[in-house]
């Protein structure tokens, strides 16, 4: 909600308070929180941190056959590429299986 309201700093503070980091071990139980962290990072301009974390999240979602999470992560990857100005990569990511 904070990211949608443009309150990126507060969203990142929330993530820190909850012990979330791009360095975390990934688990299904915290996947939603990690995806929320990525949204805050993208909104705050931390594209490099978000990109590597998204790759890890996608691998974990694929390994767990969590299609809904995979779709959400692919969309976020496309948005990250778009923010970097790489529309070609964004379109390729968007059309990934």
C-alpha atoms as a PDB file:
ATOM      1  CA  UNK A   1       0.000   0.000   0.000  1.00  0.00           C
ATOM      2  CA  UNK A   2       2.817   2.390   0.856  1.00  0.00           C
ATOM      3  CA  UNK A   3       4.456   1.878  -2.542  1.00  0.00           C
ATOM      4  CA  UNK A   4       1.176   2.567  -4.338  1.00  0.00           C
ATOM      5  CA  UNK A   5       0.822   5.778  -2.347  1.00  0.00           C
ATOM      6  CA  UNK A   6       4.304   6.909  -3.394  1.00  0.00           C
ATOM      7  CA  UNK A   7       5.642   6.531   0.153  1.00  0.00           C
ATOM      8  CA  UNK A   8       8.688   4.540  -0.937  1.00  0.00           C
ATOM      9  CA  UNK A   9      10.892   5.521   2.005  1.00  0.00           C
ATOM     10  CA  UNK A  10       8.253   4.284   4.432  1.00  0.00           C
ATOM     11  CA  UNK A  11       7.908   1.042   2.481  1.00  0.00           C
ATOM     12  CA  UNK A  12      11.667   0.488   2.638  1.00  0.00           C
ATOM     13  CA  UNK A  13      11.588   1.282   6.374  1.00  0.00           C
ATOM     14  CA  UNK A  14       8.844  -1.339   6.757  1.00  0.00           C
ATOM     15  CA  UNK A  15      11.035  -3.881   4.970  1.00  0.00           C
ATOM     16  CA  UNK A  16      14.011  -3.108   7.224  1.00  0.00           C
ATOM     17  CA  UNK A  17      11.833  -3.347  10.358  1.00  0.00           C
ATOM     18  CA  UNK A  18      10.681  -6.789   9.218  1.00  0.00           C
ATOM     19  CA  UNK A  19      14.235  -7.930   8.560  1.00  0.00           C
ATOM     20  CA  UNK A  20      13.810  -8.164   4.792  1.00  0.00           C
ATOM     21  CA  UNK A  21      16.819  -7.963   2.534  1.00  0.00           C
ATOM     22  CA  UNK A  22      17.824  -8.973  -0.982  1.00  0.00           C
ATOM     23  CA  UNK A  23      20.419 -11.185   0.729  1.00  0.00           C
ATOM     24  CA  UNK A  24      17.766 -13.289   2.523  1.00  0.00           C
ATOM     25  CA  UNK A  25      17.419 -16.999   2.101  1.00  0.00           C
ATOM     26  CA  UNK A  26      14.256 -17.525   0.126  1.00  0.00           C
ATOM     27  CA  UNK A  27      11.283 -19.396   1.485  1.00  0.00           C
ATOM     28  CA  UNK A  28       7.732 -19.829   0.347  1.00  0.00           C
ATOM     29  CA  UNK A  29       6.485 -18.394   3.635  1.00  0.00           C
ATOM     30  CA  UNK A  30       8.171 -15.013   3.014  1.00  0.00           C
ATOM     31  CA  UNK A  31       7.731 -14.885  -0.762  1.00  0.00           C
ATOM     32  CA  UNK A  32       4.948 -12.291  -0.646  1.00  0.00           C
ATOM     33  CA  UNK A  33       7.035 -10.064   1.627  1.00  0.00           C
ATOM     34  CA  UNK A  34      10.054 -10.423  -0.642  1.00  0.00           C
ATOM     35  CA  UNK A  35       8.000  -9.494  -3.698  1.00  0.00           C
ATOM     36  CA  UNK A  36       6.746  -6.461  -1.766  1.00  0.00           C
ATOM     37  CA  UNK A  37      10.369  -5.540  -1.021  1.00  0.00           C
ATOM     38  CA  UNK A  38      11.137  -5.702  -4.748  1.00  0.00           C
ATOM     39  CA  UNK A  39       8.225  -3.377  -5.503  1.00  0.00           C
ATOM     40  CA  UNK A  40       9.623  -0.862  -2.982  1.00  0.00           C
ATOM     41  CA  UNK A  41      13.126  -1.180  -4.436  1.00  0.00           C
ATOM     42  CA  UNK A  42      11.839  -0.593  -7.970  1.00  0.00           C
ATOM     43  CA  UNK A  43       9.833   2.423  -6.853  1.00  0.00           C
ATOM     44  CA  UNK A  44      12.881   3.788  -5.031  1.00  0.00           C
ATOM     45  CA  UNK A  45      15.183   3.346  -8.012  1.00  0.00           C
ATOM     46  CA  UNK A  46      17.303   0.469  -6.667  1.00  0.00           C
ATOM     47  CA  UNK A  47      17.191  -1.403  -9.946  1.00  0.00           C
ATOM     48  CA  UNK A  48      20.426  -3.343  -9.541  1.00  0.00           C
ATOM     49  CA  UNK A  49      19.397  -4.754  -6.151  1.00  0.00           C
ATOM     50  CA  UNK A  50      15.926  -5.571  -7.436  1.00  0.00           C
ATOM     51  CA  UNK A  51      17.117  -7.260 -10.649  1.00  0.00           C
ATOM     52  CA  UNK A  52      19.362  -9.832  -8.996  1.00  0.00           C
ATOM     53  CA  UNK A  53      16.793 -10.546  -6.309  1.00  0.00           C
ATOM     54  CA  UNK A  54      14.077 -11.039  -8.910  1.00  0.00           C
ATOM     55  CA  UNK A  55      16.222 -13.657 -10.641  1.00  0.00           C
ATOM     56  CA  UNK A  56      16.539 -15.568  -7.377  1.00  0.00           C
ATOM     57  CA  UNK A  57      12.823 -15.224  -6.600  1.00  0.00           C
ATOM     58  CA  UNK A  58      11.910 -16.506 -10.060  1.00  0.00           C
ATOM     59  CA  UNK A  59      14.136 -19.575  -9.663  1.00  0.00           C
ATOM     60  CA  UNK A  60      12.542 -20.367  -6.307  1.00  0.00           C
ATOM     61  CA  UNK A  61       9.008 -19.910  -7.661  1.00  0.00           C
ATOM     62  CA  UNK A  62       9.795 -22.103 -10.674  1.00  0.00           C
ATOM     63  CA  UNK A  63      11.269 -24.808  -8.432  1.00  0.00           C
ATOM     64  CA  UNK A  64       8.093 -24.744  -6.335  1.00  0.00           C
ATOM     65  CA  UNK A  65       5.789 -24.666  -9.389  1.00  0.00           C
ATOM     66  CA  UNK A  66       4.134 -21.482  -8.067  1.00  0.00           C
ATOM     67  CA  UNK A  67       2.721 -20.139 -11.328  1.00  0.00           C
ATOM     68  CA  UNK A  68       1.051 -17.087  -9.810  1.00  0.00           C
ATOM     69  CA  UNK A  69       4.308 -15.951  -8.225  1.00  0.00           C
ATOM     70  CA  UNK A  70       6.195 -16.661 -11.445  1.00  0.00           C
ATOM     71  CA  UNK A  71       3.846 -14.408 -13.399  1.00  0.00           C
ATOM     72  CA  UNK A  72       4.117 -11.608 -10.843  1.00  0.00           C
ATOM     73  CA  UNK A  73       7.908 -11.851 -10.805  1.00  0.00           C
ATOM     74  CA  UNK A  74       8.110 -11.827 -14.621  1.00  0.00           C
ATOM     75  CA  UNK A  75       5.977  -8.680 -14.694  1.00  0.00           C
ATOM     76  CA  UNK A  76       8.266  -7.038 -12.132  1.00  0.00           C
ATOM     77  CA  UNK A  77      11.310  -8.050 -14.180  1.00  0.00           C
ATOM     78  CA  UNK A  78       9.745  -6.465 -17.257  1.00  0.00           C
ATOM     79  CA  UNK A  79       9.100  -3.283 -15.263  1.00  0.00           C
ATOM     80  CA  UNK A  80      12.705  -3.258 -14.051  1.00  0.00           C
ATOM     81  CA  UNK A  81      13.986  -3.504 -17.636  1.00  0.00           C
ATOM     82  CA  UNK A  82      11.568  -0.774 -18.714  1.00  0.00           C
ATOM     83  CA  UNK A  83      12.820   1.520 -15.935  1.00  0.00           C
ATOM     84  CA  UNK A  84      16.369   0.937 -17.171  1.00  0.00           C
ATOM     85  CA  UNK A  85      15.240   1.970 -20.647  1.00  0.00           C
ATOM     86  CA  UNK A  86      15.716  -1.510 -22.122  1.00  0.00           C
ATOM     87  CA  UNK A  87      12.374  -2.011 -23.819  1.00  0.00           C
ATOM     88  CA  UNK A  88      13.644  -4.938 -25.885  1.00  0.00           C
ATOM     89  CA  UNK A  89      14.533  -6.920 -22.747  1.00  0.00           C
ATOM     90  CA  UNK A  90      11.272  -5.838 -21.089  1.00  0.00           C
ATOM     91  CA  UNK A  91       9.241  -7.210 -23.979  1.00  0.00           C
ATOM     92  CA  UNK A  92      11.227 -10.444 -24.058  1.00  0.00           C
ATOM     93  CA  UNK A  93      10.700 -10.895 -20.306  1.00  0.00           C
ATOM     94  CA  UNK A  94       7.017 -10.123 -20.594  1.00  0.00           C
ATOM     95  CA  UNK A  95       6.572 -12.803 -23.247  1.00  0.00           C
ATOM     96  CA  UNK A  96       8.529 -15.470 -21.321  1.00  0.00           C
ATOM     97  CA  UNK A  97       6.669 -18.737 -20.692  1.00  0.00           C
END
